[in-house]
Every structure is written in C-alpha cells, then in structure tokens.
C-alpha atoms as a PDB file:
ATOM      1  CA  MET A   1      -4.592  -6.541  30.694  1.00  0.00           C
ATOM      2  CA  THR A   2      -4.017  -9.551  28.738  1.00  0.00           C
ATOM      3  CA  LEU A   3      -2.324 -12.695  30.564  1.00  0.00           C
ATOM      4  CA  ARG A   4       1.099 -11.868  28.949  1.00  0.00           C
ATOM      5  CA  LEU A   5       1.484  -8.550  30.316  1.00  0.00           C
ATOM      6  CA  LEU A   6       0.129  -9.539  33.413  1.00  0.00           C
ATOM      7  CA  ARG A   7       2.757 -12.025  33.576  1.00  0.00           C
ATOM      8  CA  LEU A   8       5.636  -9.958  32.638  1.00  0.00           C
ATOM      9  CA  CYS A   9       4.214  -7.233  35.676  1.00  0.00           C
ATOM     10  CA  LEU A  10       4.388 -10.045  37.997  1.00  0.00           C
ATOM     11  CA  THR A  11       7.934 -11.009  37.069  1.00  0.00           C
ATOM     12  CA  MET A  12       9.000  -7.439  37.282  1.00  0.00           C
ATOM     13  CA  VAL A  13       7.634  -6.754  40.784  1.00  0.00           C
ATOM     14  CA  LEU A  14       8.670  -9.983  42.368  1.00  0.00           C
ATOM     15  CA  LEU A  15      12.479  -9.308  40.691  1.00  0.00           C
ATOM     16  CA  ALA A  16      12.221  -5.867  42.476  1.00  0.00           C
ATOM     17  CA  ALA A  17      11.266  -7.427  45.761  1.00  0.00           C
ATOM     18  CA  GLY A  18      14.556  -9.451  45.453  1.00  0.00           C
ATOM     19  CA  LEU A  19      12.972 -12.430  44.349  1.00  0.00           C
ATOM     20  CA  SER A  20      15.011 -14.709  41.656  1.00  0.00           C
ATOM     21  CA  ALA A  21      13.912 -15.380  38.022  1.00  0.00           C
ATOM     22  CA  ALA A  22      13.679 -18.995  39.129  1.00  0.00           C
ATOM     23  CA  THR A  23      11.384 -17.916  41.748  1.00  0.00           C
ATOM     24  CA  VAL A  24       9.427 -16.283  39.236  1.00  0.00           C
ATOM     25  CA  ALA A  25       8.778 -19.374  36.826  1.00  0.00           C
ATOM     26  CA  MET A  26       8.255 -21.893  38.780  1.00  0.00           C
ATOM     27  CA  ALA A  27       6.078 -20.037  41.219  1.00  0.00           C
ATOM     28  CA  GLY A  28       4.113 -17.836  38.533  1.00  0.00           C
ATOM     29  CA  ALA A  29       3.961 -20.237  35.304  1.00  0.00           C
ATOM     30  CA  ALA A  30       1.245 -22.297  36.396  1.00  0.00           C
ATOM     31  CA  HIS A  31      -1.241 -19.636  37.025  1.00  0.00           C
ATOM     32  CA  ALA A  32      -0.027 -16.915  34.255  1.00  0.00           C
ATOM     33  CA  ASP A  33       0.155 -19.319  31.284  1.00  0.00           C
ATOM     34  CA  GLY A  34      -2.537 -20.395  29.256  1.00  0.00           C
ATOM     35  CA  CYS A  35      -0.419 -22.727  26.950  1.00  0.00           C
ATOM     36  CA  PHE A  36       1.908 -25.252  28.022  1.00  0.00           C
ATOM     37  CA  THR A  37       3.687 -25.068  31.712  1.00  0.00           C
ATOM     38  CA  TRP A  38       6.931 -27.231  32.340  1.00  0.00           C
ATOM     39  CA  THR A  39       7.437 -29.018  35.524  1.00  0.00           C
ATOM     40  CA  ARG A  40      10.798 -30.053  35.543  1.00  0.00           C
ATOM     41  CA  THR A  41      14.254 -28.894  34.484  1.00  0.00           C
ATOM     42  CA  LEU A  42      15.327 -30.832  30.925  1.00  0.00           C
ATOM     43  CA  ARG A  43      18.415 -31.882  29.941  1.00  0.00           C
ATOM     44  CA  GLN A  44      20.335 -34.290  28.024  1.00  0.00           C
ATOM     45  CA  GLY A  45      19.336 -37.669  28.169  1.00  0.00           C
ATOM     46  CA  ALA A  46      15.419 -36.489  29.295  1.00  0.00           C
ATOM     47  CA  SER A  47      12.786 -37.616  26.775  1.00  0.00           C
ATOM     48  CA  GLY A  48       8.628 -36.986  26.814  1.00  0.00           C
ATOM     49  CA  ALA A  49       5.993 -34.621  25.589  1.00  0.00           C
ATOM     50  CA  ASP A  50       7.441 -31.655  27.773  1.00  0.00           C
ATOM     51  CA  VAL A  51      10.701 -32.124  25.645  1.00  0.00           C
ATOM     52  CA  THR A  52       8.891 -32.420  22.265  1.00  0.00           C
ATOM     53  CA  GLN A  53       6.944 -28.603  23.587  1.00  0.00           C
ATOM     54  CA  LEU A  54      10.904 -27.676  24.218  1.00  0.00           C
ATOM     55  CA  GLN A  55      11.862 -28.630  20.761  1.00  0.00           C
ATOM     56  CA  ILE A  56       9.119 -26.811  19.080  1.00  0.00           C
ATOM     57  CA  ARG A  57      10.064 -23.454  20.610  1.00  0.00           C
ATOM     58  CA  VAL A  58      13.649 -24.008  19.971  1.00  0.00           C
ATOM     59  CA  ALA A  59      13.696 -25.255  16.572  1.00  0.00           C
ATOM     60  CA  GLY A  60      14.570 -21.992  15.000  1.00  0.00           C
ATOM     61  CA  TYR A  61      18.191 -22.183  16.839  1.00  0.00           C
ATOM     62  CA  PRO A  62      19.332 -25.364  15.028  1.00  0.00           C
ATOM     63  CA  GLY A  63      22.920 -24.028  13.848  1.00  0.00           C
ATOM     64  CA  SER A  64      23.703 -22.511  10.185  1.00  0.00           C
ATOM     65  CA  GLY A  65      21.982 -25.400   7.726  1.00  0.00           C
ATOM     66  CA  ALA A  66      20.611 -27.542  10.509  1.00  0.00           C
ATOM     67  CA  VAL A  67      17.158 -28.757  11.256  1.00  0.00           C
ATOM     68  CA  LEU A  68      16.357 -29.897  14.835  1.00  0.00           C
ATOM     69  CA  GLY A  69      14.298 -33.089  15.012  1.00  0.00           C
ATOM     70  CA  ILE A  70      10.973 -32.795  16.768  1.00  0.00           C
ATOM     71  CA  ASP A  71      11.208 -36.234  18.523  1.00  0.00           C
ATOM     72  CA  GLY A  72      10.993 -35.999  22.001  1.00  0.00           C
ATOM     73  CA  SER A  73      14.178 -36.778  22.955  1.00  0.00           C
ATOM     74  CA  TYR A  74      16.599 -34.338  24.336  1.00  0.00           C
ATOM     75  CA  GLY A  75      19.911 -35.054  22.688  1.00  0.00           C
ATOM     76  CA  PRO A  76      23.060 -33.110  21.734  1.00  0.00           C
ATOM     77  CA  ALA A  77      21.300 -31.297  18.914  1.00  0.00           C
ATOM     78  CA  THR A  78      18.707 -30.349  21.267  1.00  0.00           C
ATOM     79  CA  ALA A  79      21.107 -29.074  23.601  1.00  0.00           C
ATOM     80  CA  ALA A  80      22.838 -27.194  21.268  1.00  0.00           C
ATOM     81  CA  ALA A  81      19.663 -25.309  19.919  1.00  0.00           C
ATOM     82  CA  VAL A  82      18.848 -24.749  23.477  1.00  0.00           C
ATOM     83  CA  THR A  83      22.191 -22.803  24.134  1.00  0.00           C
ATOM     84  CA  ARG A  84      21.977 -20.934  21.117  1.00  0.00           C
ATOM     85  CA  PHE A  85      18.385 -19.776  22.431  1.00  0.00           C
ATOM     86  CA  GLN A  86      19.967 -19.053  25.900  1.00  0.00           C
ATOM     87  CA  GLN A  87      22.577 -16.896  23.969  1.00  0.00           C
ATOM     88  CA  ALA A  88      20.102 -14.732  21.614  1.00  0.00           C
ATOM     89  CA  TYR A  89      18.291 -13.679  24.560  1.00  0.00           C
ATOM     90  CA  GLY A  90      21.086 -13.206  26.992  1.00  0.00           C
ATOM     91  CA  LEU A  91      20.546 -15.949  29.555  1.00  0.00           C
ATOM     92  CA  PRO A  92      23.177 -18.112  30.969  1.00  0.00           C
ATOM     93  CA  ALA A  93      23.896 -20.470  27.959  1.00  0.00           C
ATOM     94  CA  ASP A  94      24.521 -24.153  29.341  1.00  0.00           C
ATOM     95  CA  GLY A  95      21.917 -26.284  27.058  1.00  0.00           C
ATOM     96  CA  VAL A  96      19.968 -27.108  29.923  1.00  0.00           C
ATOM     97  CA  ALA A  97      16.168 -25.962  29.980  1.00  0.00           C
ATOM     98  CA  GLY A  98      15.518 -24.566  33.558  1.00  0.00           C
ATOM     99  CA  SER A  99      13.412 -21.958  35.183  1.00  0.00           C
ATOM    100  CA  ALA A 100      14.953 -18.853  33.330  1.00  0.00           C
ATOM    101  CA  THR A 101      14.542 -20.556  30.008  1.00  0.00           C
ATOM    102  CA  PHE A 102      10.882 -21.508  30.306  1.00  0.00           C
ATOM    103  CA  SER A 103      10.167 -18.039  31.859  1.00  0.00           C
ATOM    104  CA  ARG A 104      11.428 -16.880  28.600  1.00  0.00           C
ATOM    105  CA  ILE A 105       9.669 -18.853  26.501  1.00  0.00           C
ATOM    106  CA  TYR A 106       6.421 -17.944  28.737  1.00  0.00           C
ATOM    107  CA  ALA A 107       7.182 -14.425  27.752  1.00  0.00           C
ATOM    108  CA  LEU A 108       7.223 -15.221  24.062  1.00  0.00           C
ATOM    109  CA  GLN A 109       3.971 -17.337  23.744  1.00  0.00           C
ATOM    110  CA  ASP A 110       0.348 -16.538  23.744  1.00  0.00           C
ATOM    111  CA  ASN A 111      -2.378 -18.781  25.161  1.00  0.00           C
ATOM    112  CA  ASP A 112      -2.917 -21.117  21.985  1.00  0.00           C
ATOM    113  CA  CYS A 113       1.102 -21.819  21.893  1.00  0.00           C
ATOM    114  CA  THR A 114       1.566 -19.609  19.069  1.00  0.00           C
ATOM    115  CA  PRO A 115       4.719 -16.998  19.366  1.00  0.00           C
ATOM    116  CA  VAL A 116       3.683 -13.491  20.132  1.00  0.00           C
ATOM    117  CA  ASN A 117       4.437 -12.163  16.914  1.00  0.00           C
ATOM    118  CA  PHE A 118       2.974 -14.801  14.550  1.00  0.00           C
ATOM    119  CA  SER A 119      -0.665 -16.230  14.720  1.00  0.00           C
ATOM    120  CA  TYR A 120      -2.815 -19.075  13.248  1.00  0.00           C
ATOM    121  CA  ALA A 121      -4.740 -16.886  11.128  1.00  0.00           C
ATOM    122  CA  GLU A 122      -1.549 -15.311   9.359  1.00  0.00           C
ATOM    123  CA  LEU A 123      -0.152 -19.026   8.508  1.00  0.00           C
ATOM    124  CA  ASN A 124      -3.767 -20.101   7.075  1.00  0.00           C
ATOM    125  CA  ASP A 125      -5.920 -17.426   4.822  1.00  0.00           C
ATOM    126  CA  CYS A 126      -7.584 -20.061   3.036  1.00  0.00           C
ATOM    127  CA  ASN A 127      -9.886 -21.641   5.529  1.00  0.00           C
ATOM    128  CA  THR A 128     -10.714 -22.189   9.213  1.00  0.00           C
ATOM    129  CA  THR A 129     -10.606 -25.848   9.632  1.00  0.00           C
ATOM    130  CA  TRP A 130      -6.817 -26.317   8.132  1.00  0.00           C
ATOM    131  CA  SER A 131      -8.589 -29.271   5.913  1.00  0.00           C
ATOM    132  CA  GLY A 132      -8.286 -30.374   2.449  1.00  0.00           C
ATOM    133  CA  GLY A 133      -4.398 -30.257   2.095  1.00  0.00           C
ATOM    134  CA  ALA A 134      -2.088 -32.867   1.541  1.00  0.00           C
ATOM    135  CA  VAL A 135      -2.150 -34.086   5.556  1.00  0.00           C
ATOM    136  CA  SER A 136      -4.762 -34.036   8.116  1.00  0.00           C
ATOM    137  CA  ALA A 137      -6.010 -31.035   9.453  1.00  0.00           C
ATOM    138  CA  ALA A 138      -4.224 -31.482  12.738  1.00  0.00           C
ATOM    139  CA  THR A 139      -0.687 -31.996  11.279  1.00  0.00           C
ATOM    140  CA  ALA A 140      -1.244 -29.126   9.184  1.00  0.00           C
ATOM    141  CA  GLN A 141      -2.019 -26.976  12.071  1.00  0.00           C
ATOM    142  CA  SER A 142       0.866 -28.583  14.057  1.00  0.00           C
ATOM    143  CA  ASN A 143       3.042 -27.653  11.064  1.00  0.00           C
ATOM    144  CA  ALA A 144       2.081 -24.156  10.701  1.00  0.00           C
ATOM    145  CA  LEU A 145       3.139 -23.862  14.573  1.00  0.00           C
ATOM    146  CA  ARG A 146       6.389 -25.077  14.111  1.00  0.00           C
ATOM    147  CA  THR A 147       6.822 -22.997  11.182  1.00  0.00           C
ATOM    148  CA  MET A 148       5.906 -19.996  13.620  1.00  0.00           C
ATOM    149  CA  TRP A 149       8.146 -20.557  16.139  1.00  0.00           C
ATOM    150  CA  LYS A 150      10.861 -20.999  13.418  1.00  0.00           C
ATOM    151  CA  LEU A 151       9.838 -17.273  11.990  1.00  0.00           C
ATOM    152  CA  GLN A 152       9.991 -16.109  15.671  1.00  0.00           C
ATOM    153  CA  ALA A 153      13.636 -17.086  15.994  1.00  0.00           C
ATOM    154  CA  MET A 154      14.203 -15.392  12.603  1.00  0.00           C
ATOM    155  CA  ARG A 155      12.728 -12.423  13.474  1.00  0.00           C
ATOM    156  CA  HIS A 156      14.651 -11.951  16.667  1.00  0.00           C
ATOM    157  CA  ALA A 157      17.862 -12.277  14.869  1.00  0.00           C
ATOM    158  CA  LEU A 158      17.042  -9.708  12.593  1.00  0.00           C
ATOM    159  CA  GLY A 159      16.328  -7.196  15.455  1.00  0.00           C
ATOM    160  CA  ASP A 160      12.760  -7.911  16.209  1.00  0.00           C
ATOM    161  CA  LEU A 161      11.449  -6.112  13.077  1.00  0.00           C
ATOM    162  CA  PRO A 162       8.542  -7.227  11.422  1.00  0.00           C
ATOM    163  CA  ILE A 163       8.148 -10.291   9.126  1.00  0.00           C
ATOM    164  CA  THR A 164       5.081 -10.205   6.753  1.00  0.00           C
ATOM    165  CA  VAL A 165       3.686 -13.454   6.190  1.00  0.00           C
ATOM    166  CA  THR A 166       1.467 -13.333   2.805  1.00  0.00           C
ATOM    167  CA  SER A 167       0.589 -17.042   2.413  1.00  0.00           C
ATOM    168  CA  GLY A 168       0.778 -20.035   4.600  1.00  0.00           C
ATOM    169  CA  PHE A 169      -1.455 -23.285   4.567  1.00  0.00           C
ATOM    170  CA  ARG A 170      -3.755 -23.999   1.336  1.00  0.00           C
ATOM    171  CA  SER A 171      -5.933 -26.619   0.785  1.00  0.00           C
ATOM    172  CA  ARG A 172      -5.920 -28.163  -2.860  1.00  0.00           C
ATOM    173  CA  ALA A 173      -8.784 -25.805  -3.872  1.00  0.00           C
ATOM    174  CA  CYS A 174      -6.815 -22.673  -2.473  1.00  0.00           C
ATOM    175  CA  ASN A 175      -3.588 -23.757  -3.901  1.00  0.00           C
ATOM    176  CA  ALA A 176      -5.039 -24.016  -7.415  1.00  0.00           C
ATOM    177  CA  ALA A 177      -6.955 -20.838  -7.239  1.00  0.00           C
ATOM    178  CA  VAL A 178      -3.750 -18.824  -6.793  1.00  0.00           C
ATOM    179  CA  GLY A 179      -1.733 -21.384  -9.398  1.00  0.00           C
ATOM    180  CA  GLY A 180       0.305 -23.085  -6.900  1.00  0.00           C
ATOM    181  CA  ALA A 181       2.562 -26.117  -7.776  1.00  0.00           C
ATOM    182  CA  THR A 182       0.679 -29.346  -7.363  1.00  0.00           C
ATOM    183  CA  ASP A 183       3.219 -30.623  -5.042  1.00  0.00           C
ATOM    184  CA  SER A 184       3.511 -27.440  -3.011  1.00  0.00           C
ATOM    185  CA  ARG A 185       4.714 -27.357   0.558  1.00  0.00           C
ATOM    186  CA  HIS A 186       1.660 -24.633   1.166  1.00  0.00           C
ATOM    187  CA  LEU A 187      -0.300 -28.061   0.965  1.00  0.00           C
ATOM    188  CA  TYR A 188       1.255 -29.398   4.144  1.00  0.00           C
ATOM    189  CA  GLY A 189       1.206 -26.377   6.224  1.00  0.00           C
ATOM    190  CA  ASP A 190       5.068 -26.680   6.870  1.00  0.00           C
ATOM    191  CA  SER A 191       5.609 -23.309   4.530  1.00  0.00           C
ATOM    192  CA  ALA A 192       5.508 -19.638   4.459  1.00  0.00           C
ATOM    193  CA  ASP A 193       5.586 -16.756   1.759  1.00  0.00           C
ATOM    194  CA  LEU A 194       7.545 -13.527   3.277  1.00  0.00           C
ATOM    195  CA  ALA A 195       7.044  -9.964   1.887  1.00  0.00           C
ATOM    196  CA  ALA A 196       9.609  -7.511   1.684  1.00  0.00           C
ATOM    197  CA  GLY A 197       9.444  -5.036   4.400  1.00  0.00           C
ATOM    198  CA  PRO A 198      11.926  -3.669   6.830  1.00  0.00           C
ATOM    199  CA  HIS A 199      14.078  -6.452   5.365  1.00  0.00           C
ATOM    200  CA  SER A 200      14.827  -7.097   1.783  1.00  0.00           C
ATOM    201  CA  LEU A 201      13.663 -10.329   0.116  1.00  0.00           C
ATOM    202  CA  CYS A 202      17.180 -11.578  -0.026  1.00  0.00           C
ATOM    203  CA  LYS A 203      17.962 -10.613   3.503  1.00  0.00           C
ATOM    204  CA  LEU A 204      15.159 -12.841   4.315  1.00  0.00           C
ATOM    205  CA  ALA A 205      16.199 -15.553   2.479  1.00  0.00           C
ATOM    206  CA  GLN A 206      19.948 -15.359   3.696  1.00  0.00           C
ATOM    207  CA  GLN A 207      18.792 -15.047   7.317  1.00  0.00           C
ATOM    208  CA  ALA A 208      16.561 -18.312   6.837  1.00  0.00           C
ATOM    209  CA  ARG A 209      19.437 -20.442   6.480  1.00  0.00           C
ATOM    210  CA  HIS A 210      20.214 -20.171  10.032  1.00  0.00           C
ATOM    211  CA  HIS A 211      16.386 -21.026  11.481  1.00  0.00           C
ATOM    212  CA  GLY A 212      15.800 -24.691  10.699  1.00  0.00           C
ATOM    213  CA  PHE A 213      14.199 -24.143   7.193  1.00  0.00           C
ATOM    214  CA  SER A 214      15.242 -27.092   4.497  1.00  0.00           C
ATOM    215  CA  GLY A 215      13.263 -25.196   1.883  1.00  0.00           C
ATOM    216  CA  ILE A 216      14.125 -21.560   0.992  1.00  0.00           C
ATOM    217  CA  LEU A 217      12.996 -19.818  -2.510  1.00  0.00           C
ATOM    218  CA  GLY A 218      13.653 -16.588  -3.331  1.00  0.00           C
ATOM    219  CA  PRO A 219      14.718 -13.583  -5.754  1.00  0.00           C
ATOM    220  CA  GLY A 220      16.307 -15.426  -8.950  1.00  0.00           C
ATOM    221  CA  TYR A 221      13.963 -18.535  -8.797  1.00  0.00           C
ATOM    222  CA  PRO A 222      11.365 -18.491 -11.236  1.00  0.00           C
ATOM    223  CA  GLY A 223       8.171 -17.324  -9.679  1.00  0.00           C
ATOM    224  CA  HIS A 224       9.972 -15.706  -6.389  1.00  0.00           C
ATOM    225  CA  ASN A 225      10.964 -12.593  -7.450  1.00  0.00           C
ATOM    226  CA  ASP A 226       8.190 -10.825  -5.150  1.00  0.00           C
ATOM    227  CA  HIS A 227       8.537 -12.768  -2.268  1.00  0.00           C
ATOM    228  CA  THR A 228      10.789 -15.198  -0.194  1.00  0.00           C
ATOM    229  CA  HIS A 229       9.166 -18.618   0.241  1.00  0.00           C
ATOM    230  CA  VAL A 230      10.369 -21.021   3.359  1.00  0.00           C
ATOM    231  CA  ASP A 231       9.395 -24.532   4.418  1.00  0.00           C
ATOM    232  CA  TYR A 232      11.160 -27.649   5.997  1.00  0.00           C
ATOM    233  CA  ARG A 233      10.620 -30.179   2.902  1.00  0.00           C
ATOM    234  CA  PRO A 234      12.178 -33.453   4.045  1.00  0.00           C
ATOM    235  CA  SER A 235      15.417 -32.984   1.928  1.00  0.00           C
ATOM    236  CA  ARG A 236      17.324 -29.335   1.440  1.00  0.00           C
ATOM    237  CA  PHE A 237      16.539 -27.560  -1.334  1.00  0.00           C
ATOM    238  CA  TRP A 238      17.993 -23.668  -1.442  1.00  0.00           C
ATOM    239  CA  SER A 239      17.679 -21.683  -4.707  1.00  0.00           C
ATOM    240  CA  ALA A 240      17.905 -17.510  -4.490  1.00  0.00           C
ATOM    241  CA  PRO A 241      20.238 -16.961  -7.220  1.00  0.00           C
ATOM    242  CA  SER A 242      19.946 -13.425  -7.097  1.00  0.00           C
ATOM    243  CA  CYS A 243      20.754 -13.419  -3.268  1.00  0.00           C
ATOM    244  CA  GLY A 244      23.732 -15.982  -3.789  1.00  0.00           C
ATOM    245  CA  ILE A 245      21.785 -18.728  -2.402  1.00  0.00           C
END
C-alpha cells in the first residue's frame, strides 16, 4: 500500500470515528507525508519557506491571465490563489491555509513533491540529470515541478481527465535534435507540450489561460497544429489563432 493510499484510508477511518479534518491533518501529516509538512496556519503577512512551498502548489490558481509570484511572501495574490484552490476542492474558502487546505494538498502529492497525476519522467525525456539546458539542473527541475502543479490545477478544472505531456525539459543537444528553437522555453524546464486526448488542443490552450501560464502556443501558430505548448516566460505571449487566442 502506498503512503498516499495509507493516508487516505487513515483519514476515512478517523473521520468515521468522529474526528475533525483538522485533527487528521495535524496528527497524521508528519508521519504520512514524505514530501513536505506544514506546521503552522498561513495567512496574509506570513513569510518563509513554508509559504514558498504553498505557493508552488497553488500556482495554478492565480486567476484568469495572471501568474502567481513564488516569493515566500503571503500577500493578497497568494490569499486569492488559496481561495480559488479551496473553492476548486469544496473547502471553506477564506484564503487562509490551515489544516483542511494542507490535508487536501497532501492527498494531491507524491513523496517527491510532484502532483499525483504528473511525474518528473513525464517532464524530462531528454536525460536524467536535468543538465545541459539554459539554466542549472536544479533550476530546470524546480521549474518543471512548478509546471506540473499548474498542469494539475488545469487537469482538475477539466474534470480530472488525463493530460498527456509529450515534451518537457530539453538540453541544448536534445532541443537541437528535435529542431527546437534556439531560445526555446524547453531549455528552462518551465514548459510542456500537450497532446490532444480527452480534450482538444484548443480546449487545452483556452483552459491554460486560467492556470498561470504566460506562454501559450497552439493551433494556428506556426509549428503548433499538432500540440499545445504552455510555459511561464517572463512576459505574456499567447497565440493559438485557430482557437481564438
């Protein structure tokens, strides 16, 4: 039995016994989660590494057209993203990250901090070291983690149906081998190419506008009629003319 399944089973048992969700989160999280455990309630004015970890996980809820800064400072934008996350999962939506919010996040992440429906392997079919790109290996991998949490939010908004990633991080050698642009965002690890599946390429491009992606390229943009590309480049560039973007 995986830790995630064990955690969910424990939650159900304790709730059946009449214990609160807050008791479950605070009593069981430290032993049941192998990634990161929050030890305090977070609200506006808080700062620190635990705020950064929270921001990574709610970065897919910044509001339409917005991008949430990952800066370790719990300001109004973070509170708004937390509120949208809470609303998305049917939690009391007050913008304060407490036990119920953390419990939901624990259920959504694996022990390596990736969201349950995505993995580092999906975001890197180039090499196992994350090296050779436009940034350090550590930065590329960190960028990929943030991309995955945005995709997890997008997946949930689309009915929790699968989203298939066909390309993520590329070293310069891998990028050249597939004919990628010399300044491709794939070199930074902060991008993903998405294939059509349960959702059309246009549906993916349109939905991405709400989940913190400043770069969206899709059908109608040169070279993107067979996939939708998302990234978070420094300034917004959206172009999928066939999809009305």
